[in-house]
Amino acid sequence: MNDVVKKIKPLEDRVLLKGVSEVNTTASGIIIPITASKERPQKAEVLAVGPGVMKKDGSRLPMDVKIGDIVLVSKYAADEVKIEGEDYYIIRQTSILAVIS
């Protein structure tokens, strides 16, 4: 993991993600890397997790994801950030659709 990413701590229920490379294949067998399409990746790896939302009583709701999880995310819910030339995404936990096991 990048040293700069280690210094980033998401707030509340936010999660720092890195898109996972996928390869798409056409019907004729041509391989198209996900970077060739203009769509954001929907599969991503969790790099950092916030502490959770603060409840009125001062306790926090626990996060459902942890560092290293591979998740499916809503296509346009993430905010894209560029750190040292790399693309990362910050997203609220509620915009994560599922954890892939």
Foldseek 3Di string as FASTA:
>chain_A
DDPVLVVDADAAQKWKWAADKDWDADPVGDIDTPVNDPFDHQKTFTQHGHQHHQDPVGDHDHHPDDGGWIFGFDRPQWDWDADPNGIMTMHGSVRTDGTDD
